[in-house]
């Protein structure tokens, strides 16, 4: 199940399996290993939604019974871009479904004083203008890092971009819509708000720390 908002900018995936796994991830006593596995599983479920609309064509094949014109993906392979470091948790799961995808990385960290993104790494495949690009990051909080990442991808030539996250705050959704109204957001949850430190509430804590056991 999905909930499409009227302007098409945001898709909230309400499928029962997605929501159940997200609840398990939110629990503060979920182990690092459990969190990592759940993130991989939920990323695959969300990948089905965000890859809707991939261009298709047909090719002639032989089944055991007879030839047929069968549907296959068309065009250049899509690009997955992980917004480091937490984006890697979503990236790994999606790559299991789309192992031929090209992969890029955007290294950004949030200055805890200003809440502004600071870039430290950027490496993406060539010919982004000819490919669908899916940027992945578990959290859309203030939206500053996500907007900065999309800015960089557009500067590198990307024109067909989608953004995948687990949790989104209303503030981050509004920031992304203002800066990049052409980028569809797919998320598993729209939470209440940001707190004074810029974290999503109720949220699930720092996704990177919980994934890698660094806190």
Protein backbone atom coordinates (compact mmCIF):
# COMPACT_ATOMS: atom_id res chain seq x y z
CA UNK A 1 0.00 0.00 0.00
CA UNK A 2 1.16 3.52 -0.73
CA UNK A 3 -0.21 6.95 -0.09
CA UNK A 4 0.40 9.41 -2.90
CA UNK A 5 0.15 13.05 -1.92
CA UNK A 6 -1.76 15.36 -4.22
CA UNK A 7 1.21 17.06 -5.82
CA UNK A 8 3.08 13.81 -6.49
CA UNK A 9 6.17 15.08 -4.69
CA UNK A 10 5.95 12.64 -1.78
CA UNK A 11 4.98 8.97 -1.65
CA UNK A 12 4.40 7.43 1.79
CA UNK A 13 4.72 3.65 1.64
CA UNK A 14 2.22 2.20 4.12
CA UNK A 15 2.63 -1.49 3.30
CA UNK A 16 2.21 -3.59 6.48
CA UNK A 17 5.61 -5.27 6.17
CA UNK A 18 7.33 -1.90 5.78
CA UNK A 19 5.56 -0.46 8.80
CA UNK A 20 6.20 -3.53 10.96
CA UNK A 21 9.91 -3.60 10.19
CA UNK A 22 10.18 0.14 10.78
CA UNK A 23 8.64 -0.28 14.23
CA UNK A 24 11.25 -2.92 15.06
CA UNK A 25 13.97 -0.50 13.95
CA UNK A 26 12.56 2.29 16.11
CA UNK A 27 12.86 0.22 19.30
CA UNK A 28 15.85 1.45 21.29
CA UNK A 29 16.78 -2.08 22.38
CA UNK A 30 17.12 -3.42 18.81
CA UNK A 31 20.69 -4.65 18.40
CA UNK A 32 23.16 -3.29 15.87
CA UNK A 33 23.00 -6.55 13.91
CA UNK A 34 19.20 -6.54 14.02
CA UNK A 35 19.00 -2.91 12.95
CA UNK A 36 21.34 -3.54 10.04
CA UNK A 37 19.37 -6.56 8.85
CA UNK A 38 16.05 -4.76 9.12
CA UNK A 39 17.43 -1.82 7.17
CA UNK A 40 18.50 -4.17 4.39
CA UNK A 41 15.07 -5.82 4.31
CA UNK A 42 13.06 -2.60 4.36
CA UNK A 43 15.26 -1.06 1.65
CA UNK A 44 14.29 -3.89 -0.69
CA UNK A 45 10.60 -3.34 -0.01
CA UNK A 46 10.95 0.40 -0.63
CA UNK A 47 12.95 -0.27 -3.79
CA UNK A 48 9.89 -1.83 -5.40
CA UNK A 49 8.04 1.45 -4.98
CA UNK A 50 10.75 3.87 -6.06
CA UNK A 51 11.59 1.90 -9.20
CA UNK A 52 8.03 2.09 -10.50
CA UNK A 53 8.03 3.66 -13.92
CA UNK A 54 11.41 2.37 -15.05
CA UNK A 55 11.36 2.30 -18.87
CA UNK A 56 10.57 -1.08 -20.41
CA UNK A 57 10.95 -2.75 -23.77
CA UNK A 58 10.69 -6.32 -25.01
CA UNK A 59 13.13 -8.88 -26.31
CA UNK A 60 12.58 -12.12 -28.14
CA UNK A 61 13.31 -15.15 -25.97
CA UNK A 62 12.69 -18.89 -26.05
CA UNK A 63 10.76 -20.40 -23.15
CA UNK A 64 10.77 -24.21 -22.73
CA UNK A 65 7.52 -24.23 -24.69
CA UNK A 66 7.73 -21.54 -27.37
CA UNK A 67 9.27 -18.18 -28.34
CA UNK A 68 7.79 -14.97 -26.94
CA UNK A 69 8.36 -11.23 -26.73
CA UNK A 70 9.13 -10.72 -23.03
CA UNK A 71 9.44 -7.46 -21.03
CA UNK A 72 12.89 -6.27 -19.96
CA UNK A 73 14.27 -3.00 -18.61
CA UNK A 74 15.15 -0.47 -21.28
CA UNK A 75 17.79 2.22 -21.48
CA UNK A 76 20.99 2.71 -19.53
CA UNK A 77 21.30 1.12 -16.12
CA UNK A 78 20.04 3.19 -13.19
CA UNK A 79 22.36 4.84 -10.70
CA UNK A 80 22.15 4.47 -6.93
CA UNK A 81 23.80 7.24 -4.95
CA UNK A 82 24.48 6.74 -1.26
CA UNK A 83 24.61 9.83 0.92
CA UNK A 84 27.34 8.74 3.30
CA UNK A 85 27.53 7.16 5.65
CA UNK A 86 24.07 5.95 6.63
CA UNK A 87 22.93 5.71 3.01
CA UNK A 88 25.06 2.59 2.61
CA UNK A 89 22.54 0.60 4.64
CA UNK A 90 19.83 1.28 2.06
CA UNK A 91 22.26 0.89 -0.83
CA UNK A 92 23.25 -2.68 0.06
CA UNK A 93 19.68 -3.94 0.09
CA UNK A 94 18.70 -2.30 -3.19
CA UNK A 95 21.81 -3.66 -4.91
CA UNK A 96 20.64 -7.18 -4.12
CA UNK A 97 17.56 -6.46 -6.25
CA UNK A 98 19.35 -4.44 -8.94
CA UNK A 99 22.91 -5.81 -8.96
CA UNK A 100 23.74 -4.20 -12.32
CA UNK A 101 23.05 -0.65 -11.11
CA UNK A 102 25.85 1.88 -11.18
CA UNK A 103 26.81 3.30 -7.79
CA UNK A 104 27.89 6.74 -6.63
CA UNK A 105 28.69 8.31 -3.28
CA UNK A 106 28.17 11.76 -1.80
CA UNK A 107 30.06 12.42 1.42
CA UNK A 108 28.33 14.99 3.61
CA UNK A 109 28.30 15.50 7.36
CA UNK A 110 26.14 17.82 9.38
CA UNK A 111 27.80 20.59 11.33
CA UNK A 112 26.19 20.16 14.75
CA UNK A 113 26.35 23.89 15.46
CA UNK A 114 24.85 25.25 12.24
CA UNK A 115 23.05 22.05 11.07
CA UNK A 116 24.48 22.84 7.62
CA UNK A 117 26.03 20.13 5.42
CA UNK A 118 29.77 19.98 4.84
CA UNK A 119 30.97 18.11 1.73
CA UNK A 120 34.03 15.85 1.94
CA UNK A 121 33.55 13.38 -0.95
CA UNK A 122 31.77 13.13 -4.32
CA UNK A 123 32.17 10.31 -6.84
CA UNK A 124 29.43 9.34 -9.31
CA UNK A 125 29.20 7.43 -12.63
CA UNK A 126 29.33 9.18 -15.96
CA UNK A 127 26.38 10.08 -18.20
CA UNK A 128 23.97 10.82 -15.35
CA UNK A 129 21.79 12.74 -17.77
CA UNK A 130 20.91 9.44 -19.49
CA UNK A 131 20.02 7.51 -16.33
CA UNK A 132 17.48 7.47 -13.53
CA UNK A 133 19.33 8.43 -10.34
CA UNK A 134 18.08 7.27 -6.92
CA UNK A 135 19.68 9.04 -3.96
CA UNK A 136 19.37 7.14 -0.67
CA UNK A 137 19.63 8.33 2.94
CA UNK A 138 17.67 6.87 5.88
CA UNK A 139 16.71 10.27 7.31
CA UNK A 140 15.22 13.40 5.75
CA UNK A 141 15.49 15.72 8.76
CA UNK A 142 16.28 19.38 8.11
CA UNK A 143 16.67 18.58 4.43
CA UNK A 144 19.89 20.55 4.20
CA UNK A 145 22.13 17.57 3.42
CA UNK A 146 19.63 16.07 1.00
CA UNK A 147 19.24 19.34 -0.87
CA UNK A 148 23.03 19.73 -1.05
CA UNK A 149 23.38 16.19 -2.41
CA UNK A 150 20.73 16.78 -5.07
CA UNK A 151 22.44 20.07 -5.98
CA UNK A 152 25.68 18.17 -6.61
CA UNK A 153 23.93 15.49 -8.67
CA UNK A 154 22.25 18.07 -10.86
CA UNK A 155 25.56 19.87 -11.34
CA UNK A 156 26.97 16.51 -12.50
CA UNK A 157 24.23 16.27 -15.14
CA UNK A 158 21.43 14.27 -13.50
CA UNK A 159 17.93 15.27 -14.62
CA UNK A 160 15.81 12.30 -13.48
CA UNK A 161 16.33 12.02 -9.72
CA UNK A 162 14.37 10.30 -6.96
CA UNK A 163 15.06 10.35 -3.23
CA UNK A 164 14.54 7.36 -0.93
CA UNK A 165 14.46 7.57 2.87
CA UNK A 166 13.06 5.71 5.87
CA UNK A 167 11.86 8.69 7.87
CA UNK A 168 10.97 12.22 6.83
CA UNK A 169 10.20 15.26 8.96
CA UNK A 170 7.73 17.87 7.69
CA UNK A 171 10.52 20.45 7.77
CA UNK A 172 12.74 18.34 5.52
CA UNK A 173 9.92 17.59 3.10
CA UNK A 174 9.16 21.31 2.78
CA UNK A 175 12.85 22.15 2.30
CA UNK A 176 13.24 19.57 -0.47
CA UNK A 177 10.05 20.65 -2.20
CA UNK A 178 11.18 24.26 -2.18
CA UNK A 179 14.65 23.49 -3.54
CA UNK A 180 13.87 20.52 -5.81
CA UNK A 181 10.15 20.18 -6.60
CA UNK A 182 11.01 17.85 -9.49
CA UNK A 183 12.54 15.21 -7.19
CA UNK A 184 10.06 12.61 -5.96
CA UNK A 185 10.49 11.52 -2.33
CA UNK A 186 9.62 7.97 -1.28
CA UNK A 187 9.53 7.34 2.48
CA UNK A 188 8.26 4.78 4.97
CA UNK A 189 7.11 7.38 7.50
CA UNK A 190 6.38 11.07 7.97
CA UNK A 191 7.18 11.80 11.62
CA UNK A 192 5.96 14.66 13.82
CA UNK A 193 8.76 17.22 13.83
CA UNK A 194 12.39 18.06 14.47
CA UNK A 195 13.69 18.66 17.98
CA UNK A 196 16.07 21.47 19.01
CA UNK A 197 19.07 19.41 17.87
CA UNK A 198 17.59 18.81 14.42
CA UNK A 199 16.73 15.15 15.01
CA UNK A 200 13.48 13.59 13.81
CA UNK A 201 10.94 12.98 16.58
CA UNK A 202 9.88 10.32 17.47
CA UNK A 203 12.39 8.98 14.96
CA UNK A 204 14.78 6.13 15.62
CA UNK A 205 17.93 7.92 16.74
CA UNK A 206 21.03 8.35 14.59
CA UNK A 207 20.73 5.78 11.81
CA UNK A 208 24.47 5.70 11.11
CA UNK A 209 25.39 5.14 14.74
CA UNK A 210 22.78 2.42 15.15
CA UNK A 211 23.84 0.72 11.92
CA UNK A 212 27.55 0.71 12.65
CA UNK A 213 27.49 0.54 16.46
CA UNK A 214 29.47 3.74 16.84
CA UNK A 215 27.57 5.07 19.85
